[in-house]
Amino acid sequence: MKMLFYIFLISYSTNIFSQNTLFNFYNDEGAQITRKEFYEKRDHYETYPMYFENDSIKFGVLFDREKYGVLKDSTFQSLKNYLNTFYPSKINPKDIIVINFLTGIPINELSKKDKSSWDIFHRDYLKKLNKITDISHFWISSLEKEKLKYFHSEKVDWKKDEDNFIKRLFFPHETTYGYYIIINPKGKYYYSLGEYGKNNVWSKTRLMKS
């Protein structure tokens, strides 16, 4: 049921509705829930609310903000092959892969002249991350690098997710500020949707290392 539900969602665009709009509500498993359940849970850290519509259907979905899973061997190899196209040095089989994936940026932030103060751009972010374990790290976005000046594109080597490979594999919908993904050498993965900080990445990398 869950797979069919995700396929159903992909055909719809994301929108924000007022609480007065009548539409259906679902949880991450595709089961329908009440309006009350939706609004009671939508502001909890554990959930990430999203809204969809077409000409006849409007509904809200509460996705789990955090998710663990395991990639099939063939899928994991395809992912590594894709990531290896970004850099000449190949991913070491013993490395933990960490991806900062950026998408769903508010329009006003794309044109700002100053720079983001988001702490994943601090100098110690990658330095400390690489001290935790052997890391293959990637900065990837669904946007062109030229549009990411606010996100330090002059020093961050953002790569474009040209074929939406990362989005299709992990989470196909537009989330504010995207998400980060950690994958261990056996293909076990973790991701967290929406805003996060460097401490989140460090702590989850330690967890995936063990």
Protein backbone atom coordinates (compact mmCIF):
# COMPACT_ATOMS: atom_id res chain seq x y z
CA MET A 1 0.00 0.00 0.00
CA LYS A 2 2.80 2.39 0.91
CA MET A 3 4.51 2.10 -2.48
CA LEU A 4 1.23 2.74 -4.32
CA PHE A 5 0.62 5.73 -2.07
CA TYR A 6 4.03 7.23 -2.95
CA ILE A 7 3.40 6.70 -6.68
CA PHE A 8 0.06 8.47 -6.23
CA LEU A 9 1.73 11.44 -4.52
CA ILE A 10 4.42 11.95 -7.14
CA SER A 11 1.83 13.13 -9.69
CA TYR A 12 0.78 16.08 -7.52
CA SER A 13 2.26 19.48 -6.87
CA THR A 14 3.06 20.81 -3.38
CA ASN A 15 1.01 23.68 -1.95
CA ILE A 16 0.15 25.28 1.38
CA PHE A 17 -3.48 25.47 2.42
CA SER A 18 -5.34 27.33 5.12
CA GLN A 19 -6.97 25.34 7.90
CA ASN A 20 -10.37 26.25 6.44
CA THR A 21 -9.73 24.29 3.26
CA LEU A 22 -11.46 20.91 3.13
CA PHE A 23 -9.22 18.06 2.13
CA ASN A 24 -8.12 14.59 3.29
CA PHE A 25 -5.25 13.74 5.61
CA TYR A 26 -2.89 10.75 5.64
CA ASN A 27 0.04 9.41 7.59
CA ASP A 28 3.35 8.18 6.17
CA GLU A 29 1.89 4.71 5.60
CA GLY A 30 -0.92 6.02 3.40
CA ALA A 31 -3.63 5.47 6.03
CA GLN A 32 -6.22 8.22 6.32
CA ILE A 33 -6.24 10.19 9.59
CA THR A 34 -8.49 12.93 10.96
CA ARG A 35 -7.87 16.65 10.63
CA LYS A 36 -7.38 16.78 14.41
CA GLU A 37 -4.71 14.05 14.33
CA PHE A 38 -2.92 15.80 11.50
CA TYR A 39 -2.73 19.21 13.17
CA GLU A 40 -1.86 17.75 16.56
CA LYS A 41 1.16 15.94 15.11
CA ARG A 42 2.33 18.24 12.33
CA ASP A 43 4.45 20.49 14.55
CA HIS A 44 6.25 17.64 16.30
CA TYR A 45 9.89 17.10 15.34
CA GLU A 46 9.13 13.48 14.45
CA THR A 47 6.86 14.45 11.53
CA TYR A 48 7.18 16.55 8.38
CA PRO A 49 3.85 17.84 6.99
CA MET A 50 3.37 18.29 3.25
CA TYR A 51 0.39 19.35 1.14
CA PHE A 52 -0.69 18.22 -2.33
CA GLU A 53 -3.48 18.91 -4.80
CA ASN A 54 -4.81 18.51 -8.31
CA ASP A 55 -8.04 19.78 -9.83
CA SER A 56 -10.23 17.57 -7.66
CA ILE A 57 -8.16 16.36 -4.70
CA LYS A 58 -6.49 18.24 -1.85
CA PHE A 59 -4.77 16.47 1.00
CA GLY A 60 -2.07 16.70 3.64
CA VAL A 61 0.46 13.99 4.48
CA LEU A 62 2.51 13.57 7.64
CA PHE A 63 5.82 12.03 6.62
CA ASP A 64 8.24 10.62 9.15
CA ARG A 65 11.02 13.19 9.45
CA GLU A 66 13.63 10.51 10.08
CA LYS A 67 13.95 7.22 8.25
CA TYR A 68 16.23 4.19 8.29
CA GLY A 69 16.44 1.63 5.52
CA VAL A 70 18.71 -0.66 3.54
CA LEU A 71 19.52 -0.26 -0.15
CA LYS A 72 19.53 -3.32 -2.38
CA ASP A 73 23.02 -4.22 -3.56
CA SER A 74 22.28 -3.20 -7.16
CA THR A 75 20.72 0.10 -6.05
CA PHE A 76 23.63 0.85 -3.73
CA GLN A 77 26.11 0.21 -6.53
CA SER A 78 24.14 2.45 -8.90
CA LEU A 79 24.19 5.19 -6.27
CA LYS A 80 27.97 4.90 -5.84
CA ASN A 81 28.45 4.92 -9.60
CA TYR A 82 26.37 8.10 -9.80
CA LEU A 83 28.26 9.81 -6.99
CA ASN A 84 31.60 8.78 -8.49
CA THR A 85 30.80 10.87 -11.58
CA PHE A 86 31.13 14.03 -9.47
CA TYR A 87 34.75 13.52 -8.41
CA PRO A 88 37.81 11.80 -9.89
CA SER A 89 38.55 9.93 -6.65
CA LYS A 90 36.23 6.97 -6.21
CA ILE A 91 34.33 6.10 -3.06
CA ASN A 92 36.31 3.76 -0.83
CA PRO A 93 34.26 0.62 -0.03
CA LYS A 94 34.90 1.23 3.69
CA ASP A 95 33.70 4.85 3.64
CA ILE A 96 30.49 6.14 5.12
CA ILE A 97 28.75 8.31 2.53
CA VAL A 98 27.33 11.63 3.75
CA ILE A 99 25.22 13.78 1.43
CA ASN A 100 23.98 17.28 2.18
CA PHE A 101 21.08 17.56 -0.26
CA LEU A 102 19.64 21.04 -0.82
CA THR A 103 16.27 21.79 -2.40
CA GLY A 104 13.03 23.67 -1.74
CA ILE A 105 14.75 27.02 -1.10
CA PRO A 106 12.56 30.04 -0.28
CA ILE A 107 12.70 32.45 -3.25
CA ASN A 108 13.82 35.40 -1.15
CA GLU A 109 16.92 33.50 -0.07
CA LEU A 110 18.01 32.79 -3.63
CA SER A 111 18.54 36.51 -4.27
CA LYS A 112 20.08 37.58 -0.95
CA LYS A 113 23.42 39.38 -1.18
CA ASP A 114 24.64 38.17 2.19
CA LYS A 115 25.48 34.56 3.00
CA SER A 116 23.67 31.92 5.00
CA SER A 117 24.74 31.48 8.62
CA TRP A 118 23.68 27.81 8.58
CA ASP A 119 26.26 25.98 10.68
CA ILE A 120 26.89 23.21 8.14
CA PHE A 121 28.96 25.85 6.35
CA HIS A 122 31.21 26.39 9.36
CA ARG A 123 34.83 25.41 8.88
CA ASP A 124 34.68 22.73 11.55
CA TYR A 125 31.75 20.85 9.95
CA LEU A 126 33.72 18.72 7.50
CA LYS A 127 36.86 18.76 9.63
CA LYS A 128 35.08 17.13 12.56
CA LEU A 129 33.01 14.87 10.31
CA ASN A 130 36.18 13.38 8.85
CA LYS A 131 37.53 12.74 12.34
CA ILE A 132 34.57 10.54 13.21
CA THR A 133 35.35 7.94 10.55
CA ASP A 134 36.38 7.60 6.89
CA ILE A 135 33.92 9.75 4.94
CA SER A 136 32.97 10.33 1.33
CA HIS A 137 31.10 13.62 1.49
CA PHE A 138 28.95 15.28 -1.17
CA TRP A 139 27.18 18.62 -1.54
CA ILE A 140 24.28 18.03 -3.95
CA SER A 141 21.33 20.20 -4.96
CA SER A 142 18.37 20.05 -7.32
CA LEU A 143 19.26 23.65 -8.26
CA GLU A 144 21.98 25.02 -10.51
CA LYS A 145 25.09 26.14 -8.65
CA GLU A 146 24.62 29.69 -9.99
CA LYS A 147 21.45 29.99 -7.91
CA LEU A 148 23.15 28.99 -4.68
CA LYS A 149 25.17 32.12 -3.90
CA TYR A 150 23.37 32.51 -0.58
CA PHE A 151 24.57 29.00 0.26
CA HIS A 152 28.25 29.79 -0.26
CA SER A 153 28.54 28.47 -3.80
CA GLU A 154 31.84 30.36 -4.18
CA LYS A 155 33.50 27.91 -1.78
CA VAL A 156 31.12 24.95 -1.57
CA ASP A 157 31.39 22.54 -4.49
CA TRP A 158 27.67 22.06 -5.11
CA LYS A 159 26.82 19.38 -7.66
CA LYS A 160 23.56 19.35 -9.62
CA ASP A 161 21.33 16.30 -9.26
CA GLU A 162 20.85 16.31 -13.02
CA ASP A 163 18.66 13.23 -13.32
CA ASN A 164 16.95 13.66 -9.94
CA PHE A 165 18.66 10.43 -8.98
CA ILE A 166 18.99 11.34 -5.30
CA LYS A 167 15.46 12.74 -5.08
CA ARG A 168 13.89 9.71 -6.71
CA LEU A 169 15.86 7.29 -4.56
CA PHE A 170 15.30 8.84 -1.13
CA PHE A 171 12.52 11.44 -1.09
CA PRO A 172 11.02 12.84 -4.31
CA HIS A 173 9.17 15.85 -2.85
CA GLU A 174 10.42 19.39 -2.31
CA THR A 175 11.32 19.95 1.34
CA THR A 176 12.43 23.25 2.82
CA TYR A 177 16.25 23.18 2.85
CA GLY A 178 16.28 19.57 1.75
CA TYR A 179 17.74 16.84 3.92
CA TYR A 180 20.89 14.94 4.74
CA ILE A 181 21.60 11.29 4.03
CA ILE A 182 24.11 8.93 5.67
CA ILE A 183 24.88 5.51 4.16
CA ASN A 184 27.20 2.95 5.72
CA PRO A 185 29.39 0.52 3.70
CA LYS A 186 26.70 -2.18 3.85
CA GLY A 187 24.05 0.04 2.27
CA LYS A 188 22.15 0.85 5.47
CA TYR A 189 20.94 4.44 5.24
CA TYR A 190 19.43 7.17 7.37
CA TYR A 191 17.92 10.48 6.31
CA SER A 192 16.36 13.45 8.04
CA LEU A 193 13.96 15.83 6.27
CA GLY A 194 13.92 19.59 6.64
CA GLU A 195 16.20 21.87 8.63
CA TYR A 196 19.09 20.42 10.60
CA GLY A 197 22.48 21.40 12.02
CA LYS A 198 26.02 20.10 11.96
CA ASN A 199 25.61 18.45 15.36
CA ASN A 200 22.77 16.34 13.94
CA VAL A 201 25.01 15.08 11.15
CA TRP A 202 27.91 14.36 13.51
CA SER A 203 25.80 12.41 16.00
CA LYS A 204 24.00 10.34 13.35
CA THR A 205 27.29 9.58 11.59
CA ARG A 206 28.67 8.18 14.87
CA LEU A 207 25.52 6.07 15.18
CA MET A 208 25.79 4.74 11.61
CA LYS A 209 29.46 3.97 12.21
CA SER A 210 28.71 1.58 15.07
